[in-house]
């Protein structure tokens, strides 16, 4: 009887660990629709953002804003799941001593991801809203120089990029 009980408890422990492991990566899976290359062209320049999956808990992104041959803005991003939480870590060369700024996922729906860091100077909020399978709106918002501020960037998925 003792061996049977021990076996059942061991089996339950193994099954519960596997279930925890399976649900543990659900946060990042909800962002799968971000993968690929996104871009938009404006009078001010061209914005492109590329996302690829590094492993089951990390996506890597790069964002470029280019006018002519000049890169006006470059940002390196990791979307990383730690435990049950998802973080958007942005690194902009020449800012914050070249260290990443972390934004925590605060809202998640089938079509929207919202990341926030109320202590950051600007932006305090970054969101991605999927409009269709090949279009999204990325937005940044918060308080800048004492006034509410926001910017939106509509982007289309590059169907040619791999």
C-alpha atoms as a PDB file:
ATOM      1  CA  UNK A   1       0.000   0.000   0.000  1.00  0.00           C
ATOM      2  CA  UNK A   2       2.830   2.417   0.941  1.00  0.00           C
ATOM      3  CA  UNK A   3       4.615   1.815  -2.398  1.00  0.00           C
ATOM      4  CA  UNK A   4       1.386   2.393  -4.327  1.00  0.00           C
ATOM      5  CA  UNK A   5       0.763   5.698  -2.504  1.00  0.00           C
ATOM      6  CA  UNK A   6       4.359   6.809  -3.075  1.00  0.00           C
ATOM      7  CA  UNK A   7       4.098   5.948  -6.766  1.00  0.00           C
ATOM      8  CA  UNK A   8       0.839   7.912  -7.155  1.00  0.00           C
ATOM      9  CA  UNK A   9       2.306  10.951  -5.355  1.00  0.00           C
ATOM     10  CA  UNK A  10       5.425  10.813  -7.530  1.00  0.00           C
ATOM     11  CA  UNK A  11       3.295  10.558 -10.678  1.00  0.00           C
ATOM     12  CA  UNK A  12       1.177  13.529  -9.568  1.00  0.00           C
ATOM     13  CA  UNK A  13       4.315  15.576  -8.888  1.00  0.00           C
ATOM     14  CA  UNK A  14       5.676  14.828 -12.372  1.00  0.00           C
ATOM     15  CA  UNK A  15       2.368  15.649 -14.076  1.00  0.00           C
ATOM     16  CA  UNK A  16       1.956  18.909 -12.144  1.00  0.00           C
ATOM     17  CA  UNK A  17       5.509  19.977 -13.078  1.00  0.00           C
ATOM     18  CA  UNK A  18       4.813  19.301 -16.742  1.00  0.00           C
ATOM     19  CA  UNK A  19       1.562  21.294 -16.620  1.00  0.00           C
ATOM     20  CA  UNK A  20       3.328  24.212 -14.931  1.00  0.00           C
ATOM     21  CA  UNK A  21       6.045  24.100 -17.569  1.00  0.00           C
ATOM     22  CA  UNK A  22       3.459  24.076 -20.367  1.00  0.00           C
ATOM     23  CA  UNK A  23       1.499  27.039 -19.003  1.00  0.00           C
ATOM     24  CA  UNK A  24       4.648  28.892 -17.956  1.00  0.00           C
ATOM     25  CA  UNK A  25       5.431  29.971 -21.535  1.00  0.00           C
ATOM     26  CA  UNK A  26       1.850  30.997 -22.372  1.00  0.00           C
ATOM     27  CA  UNK A  27       2.592  34.695 -21.891  1.00  0.00           C
ATOM     28  CA  UNK A  28       5.143  34.835 -24.697  1.00  0.00           C
ATOM     29  CA  UNK A  29       3.052  32.580 -26.948  1.00  0.00           C
ATOM     30  CA  UNK A  30       0.353  35.259 -26.867  1.00  0.00           C
ATOM     31  CA  UNK A  31       2.818  37.538 -28.713  1.00  0.00           C
ATOM     32  CA  UNK A  32       3.502  35.125 -31.610  1.00  0.00           C
ATOM     33  CA  UNK A  33       1.616  37.437 -33.973  1.00  0.00           C
ATOM     34  CA  UNK A  34       4.436  40.006 -33.569  1.00  0.00           C
ATOM     35  CA  UNK A  35       6.966  37.723 -35.282  1.00  0.00           C
ATOM     36  CA  UNK A  36       8.138  38.899 -38.698  1.00  0.00           C
ATOM     37  CA  UNK A  37       9.070  42.227 -40.266  1.00  0.00           C
ATOM     38  CA  UNK A  38       6.783  45.253 -39.957  1.00  0.00           C
ATOM     39  CA  UNK A  39       7.219  48.574 -41.734  1.00  0.00           C
ATOM     40  CA  UNK A  40       5.735  51.928 -42.621  1.00  0.00           C
ATOM     41  CA  UNK A  41       6.869  54.810 -44.787  1.00  0.00           C
ATOM     42  CA  UNK A  42       6.158  58.416 -43.805  1.00  0.00           C
ATOM     43  CA  UNK A  43       7.251  61.861 -44.956  1.00  0.00           C
ATOM     44  CA  UNK A  44       9.578  61.937 -41.927  1.00  0.00           C
ATOM     45  CA  UNK A  45      11.239  58.612 -42.774  1.00  0.00           C
ATOM     46  CA  UNK A  46      10.811  54.845 -42.853  1.00  0.00           C
ATOM     47  CA  UNK A  47      10.139  52.796 -39.758  1.00  0.00           C
ATOM     48  CA  UNK A  48      10.782  49.068 -39.659  1.00  0.00           C
ATOM     49  CA  UNK A  49      10.576  46.598 -36.818  1.00  0.00           C
ATOM     50  CA  UNK A  50      11.669  42.963 -37.055  1.00  0.00           C
ATOM     51  CA  UNK A  51      10.879  40.211 -34.548  1.00  0.00           C
ATOM     52  CA  UNK A  52      12.243  36.673 -34.366  1.00  0.00           C
ATOM     53  CA  UNK A  53      11.944  33.918 -31.795  1.00  0.00           C
ATOM     54  CA  UNK A  54      15.207  33.041 -30.023  1.00  0.00           C
ATOM     55  CA  UNK A  55      13.799  30.270 -27.822  1.00  0.00           C
ATOM     56  CA  UNK A  56      10.599  29.287 -25.982  1.00  0.00           C
ATOM     57  CA  UNK A  57      10.822  32.272 -23.619  1.00  0.00           C
ATOM     58  CA  UNK A  58      12.515  35.046 -25.657  1.00  0.00           C
ATOM     59  CA  UNK A  59      11.786  37.063 -28.800  1.00  0.00           C
ATOM     60  CA  UNK A  60      14.351  39.500 -30.195  1.00  0.00           C
ATOM     61  CA  UNK A  61      13.295  42.680 -31.932  1.00  0.00           C
ATOM     62  CA  UNK A  62      15.039  45.501 -33.754  1.00  0.00           C
ATOM     63  CA  UNK A  63      13.490  48.819 -34.621  1.00  0.00           C
ATOM     64  CA  UNK A  64      14.985  51.264 -37.140  1.00  0.00           C
ATOM     65  CA  UNK A  65      13.851  54.730 -38.163  1.00  0.00           C
ATOM     66  CA  UNK A  66      15.687  55.785 -41.318  1.00  0.00           C
ATOM     67  CA  UNK A  67      15.516  58.971 -43.384  1.00  0.00           C
ATOM     68  CA  UNK A  68      17.382  58.663 -46.654  1.00  0.00           C
ATOM     69  CA  UNK A  69      20.649  56.986 -45.731  1.00  0.00           C
ATOM     70  CA  UNK A  70      20.649  58.222 -42.130  1.00  0.00           C
ATOM     71  CA  UNK A  71      19.527  56.006 -39.243  1.00  0.00           C
ATOM     72  CA  UNK A  72      17.805  58.461 -36.900  1.00  0.00           C
ATOM     73  CA  UNK A  73      16.811  55.880 -34.294  1.00  0.00           C
ATOM     74  CA  UNK A  74      17.807  52.299 -33.536  1.00  0.00           C
ATOM     75  CA  UNK A  75      16.376  50.231 -30.734  1.00  0.00           C
ATOM     76  CA  UNK A  76      17.189  46.674 -29.712  1.00  0.00           C
ATOM     77  CA  UNK A  77      14.345  44.870 -27.937  1.00  0.00           C
ATOM     78  CA  UNK A  78      13.866  41.592 -26.138  1.00  0.00           C
ATOM     79  CA  UNK A  79      10.484  40.261 -25.201  1.00  0.00           C
ATOM     80  CA  UNK A  80      11.209  37.840 -22.397  1.00  0.00           C
ATOM     81  CA  UNK A  81       9.080  35.672 -20.188  1.00  0.00           C
ATOM     82  CA  UNK A  82      10.380  35.274 -16.645  1.00  0.00           C
ATOM     83  CA  UNK A  83       8.197  32.936 -14.632  1.00  0.00           C
ATOM     84  CA  UNK A  84       4.616  34.001 -15.298  1.00  0.00           C
ATOM     85  CA  UNK A  85       5.533  37.574 -16.287  1.00  0.00           C
ATOM     86  CA  UNK A  86       6.409  39.026 -19.682  1.00  0.00           C
ATOM     87  CA  UNK A  87       8.853  41.923 -20.074  1.00  0.00           C
ATOM     88  CA  UNK A  88       9.590  44.239 -22.984  1.00  0.00           C
ATOM     89  CA  UNK A  89      13.245  45.286 -22.598  1.00  0.00           C
ATOM     90  CA  UNK A  90      14.287  48.192 -24.825  1.00  0.00           C
ATOM     91  CA  UNK A  91      17.877  49.315 -25.360  1.00  0.00           C
ATOM     92  CA  UNK A  92      18.540  52.551 -27.235  1.00  0.00           C
ATOM     93  CA  UNK A  93      22.152  53.328 -28.061  1.00  0.00           C
ATOM     94  CA  UNK A  94      23.302  56.450 -26.255  1.00  0.00           C
ATOM     95  CA  UNK A  95      20.435  56.395 -23.728  1.00  0.00           C
ATOM     96  CA  UNK A  96      20.290  55.017 -20.175  1.00  0.00           C
ATOM     97  CA  UNK A  97      24.025  54.197 -20.290  1.00  0.00           C
ATOM     98  CA  UNK A  98      23.183  51.717 -23.098  1.00  0.00           C
ATOM     99  CA  UNK A  99      21.268  49.554 -20.606  1.00  0.00           C
ATOM    100  CA  UNK A 100      17.859  48.048 -21.277  1.00  0.00           C
ATOM    101  CA  UNK A 101      14.742  49.634 -19.800  1.00  0.00           C
ATOM    102  CA  UNK A 102      12.165  47.045 -18.716  1.00  0.00           C
ATOM    103  CA  UNK A 103       8.430  47.426 -19.289  1.00  0.00           C
ATOM    104  CA  UNK A 104       6.142  44.845 -17.682  1.00  0.00           C
ATOM    105  CA  UNK A 105       3.131  43.370 -19.486  1.00  0.00           C
ATOM    106  CA  UNK A 106       0.058  44.884 -17.829  1.00  0.00           C
ATOM    107  CA  UNK A 107      -2.684  44.085 -20.347  1.00  0.00           C
ATOM    108  CA  UNK A 108      -2.975  41.146 -22.702  1.00  0.00           C
ATOM    109  CA  UNK A 109      -5.823  40.338 -25.071  1.00  0.00           C
ATOM    110  CA  UNK A 110      -5.936  38.324 -28.258  1.00  0.00           C
ATOM    111  CA  UNK A 111      -5.191  41.488 -30.249  1.00  0.00           C
ATOM    112  CA  UNK A 112      -3.297  43.739 -27.839  1.00  0.00           C
ATOM    113  CA  UNK A 113      -0.206  43.761 -25.632  1.00  0.00           C
ATOM    114  CA  UNK A 114       0.416  46.674 -23.266  1.00  0.00           C
ATOM    115  CA  UNK A 115       3.703  47.106 -21.399  1.00  0.00           C
ATOM    116  CA  UNK A 116       4.266  49.731 -18.707  1.00  0.00           C
ATOM    117  CA  UNK A 117       7.037  51.262 -16.652  1.00  0.00           C
ATOM    118  CA  UNK A 118       5.646  54.226 -14.674  1.00  0.00           C
ATOM    119  CA  UNK A 119       9.158  55.162 -13.451  1.00  0.00           C
ATOM    120  CA  UNK A 120      10.616  55.642 -16.946  1.00  0.00           C
ATOM    121  CA  UNK A 121      10.964  59.234 -18.184  1.00  0.00           C
ATOM    122  CA  UNK A 122       9.247  58.647 -21.554  1.00  0.00           C
ATOM    123  CA  UNK A 123       7.435  56.630 -22.688  1.00  0.00           C
ATOM    124  CA  UNK A 124       5.782  55.003 -19.703  1.00  0.00           C
ATOM    125  CA  UNK A 125       3.538  52.810 -21.849  1.00  0.00           C
ATOM    126  CA  UNK A 126       4.219  50.803 -25.022  1.00  0.00           C
ATOM    127  CA  UNK A 127       1.445  48.937 -26.780  1.00  0.00           C
ATOM    128  CA  UNK A 128       0.977  46.797 -29.859  1.00  0.00           C
ATOM    129  CA  UNK A 129      -2.500  46.355 -31.296  1.00  0.00           C
ATOM    130  CA  UNK A 130      -3.101  43.855 -34.079  1.00  0.00           C
ATOM    131  CA  UNK A 131      -5.573  45.229 -36.616  1.00  0.00           C
ATOM    132  CA  UNK A 132      -5.425  42.342 -39.112  1.00  0.00           C
ATOM    133  CA  UNK A 133      -2.971  39.461 -39.555  1.00  0.00           C
ATOM    134  CA  UNK A 134      -0.737  41.776 -41.613  1.00  0.00           C
ATOM    135  CA  UNK A 135      -1.236  45.155 -39.916  1.00  0.00           C
ATOM    136  CA  UNK A 136      -0.712  46.547 -36.434  1.00  0.00           C
ATOM    137  CA  UNK A 137      -0.441  49.809 -34.558  1.00  0.00           C
ATOM    138  CA  UNK A 138       2.477  50.334 -32.196  1.00  0.00           C
ATOM    139  CA  UNK A 139       2.073  53.209 -29.786  1.00  0.00           C
ATOM    140  CA  UNK A 140       4.042  54.898 -27.064  1.00  0.00           C
ATOM    141  CA  UNK A 141       2.552  57.220 -24.482  1.00  0.00           C
ATOM    142  CA  UNK A 142       3.030  58.863 -21.145  1.00  0.00           C
ATOM    143  CA  UNK A 143       4.000  62.204 -19.678  1.00  0.00           C
ATOM    144  CA  UNK A 144       6.795  64.064 -21.438  1.00  0.00           C
ATOM    145  CA  UNK A 145       8.080  67.415 -20.155  1.00  0.00           C
ATOM    146  CA  UNK A 146       5.097  67.577 -17.795  1.00  0.00           C
ATOM    147  CA  UNK A 147       2.471  67.080 -20.520  1.00  0.00           C
ATOM    148  CA  UNK A 148       0.601  63.993 -21.746  1.00  0.00           C
ATOM    149  CA  UNK A 149       2.087  62.769 -25.000  1.00  0.00           C
ATOM    150  CA  UNK A 150       1.530  59.876 -27.384  1.00  0.00           C
ATOM    151  CA  UNK A 151       2.645  58.650 -30.784  1.00  0.00           C
ATOM    152  CA  UNK A 152       1.136  55.943 -32.981  1.00  0.00           C
ATOM    153  CA  UNK A 153       2.797  54.006 -35.759  1.00  0.00           C
ATOM    154  CA  UNK A 154       0.651  51.962 -38.134  1.00  0.00           C
ATOM    155  CA  UNK A 155       2.697  49.192 -39.734  1.00  0.00           C
ATOM    156  CA  UNK A 156       2.170  46.543 -42.392  1.00  0.00           C
ATOM    157  CA  UNK A 157       3.763  43.124 -42.338  1.00  0.00           C
ATOM    158  CA  UNK A 158       6.391  42.576 -45.017  1.00  0.00           C
ATOM    159  CA  UNK A 159       5.177  39.416 -46.740  1.00  0.00           C
ATOM    160  CA  UNK A 160       8.528  38.993 -48.523  1.00  0.00           C
ATOM    161  CA  UNK A 161      10.710  38.949 -45.391  1.00  0.00           C
ATOM    162  CA  UNK A 162      11.534  35.553 -43.916  1.00  0.00           C
END
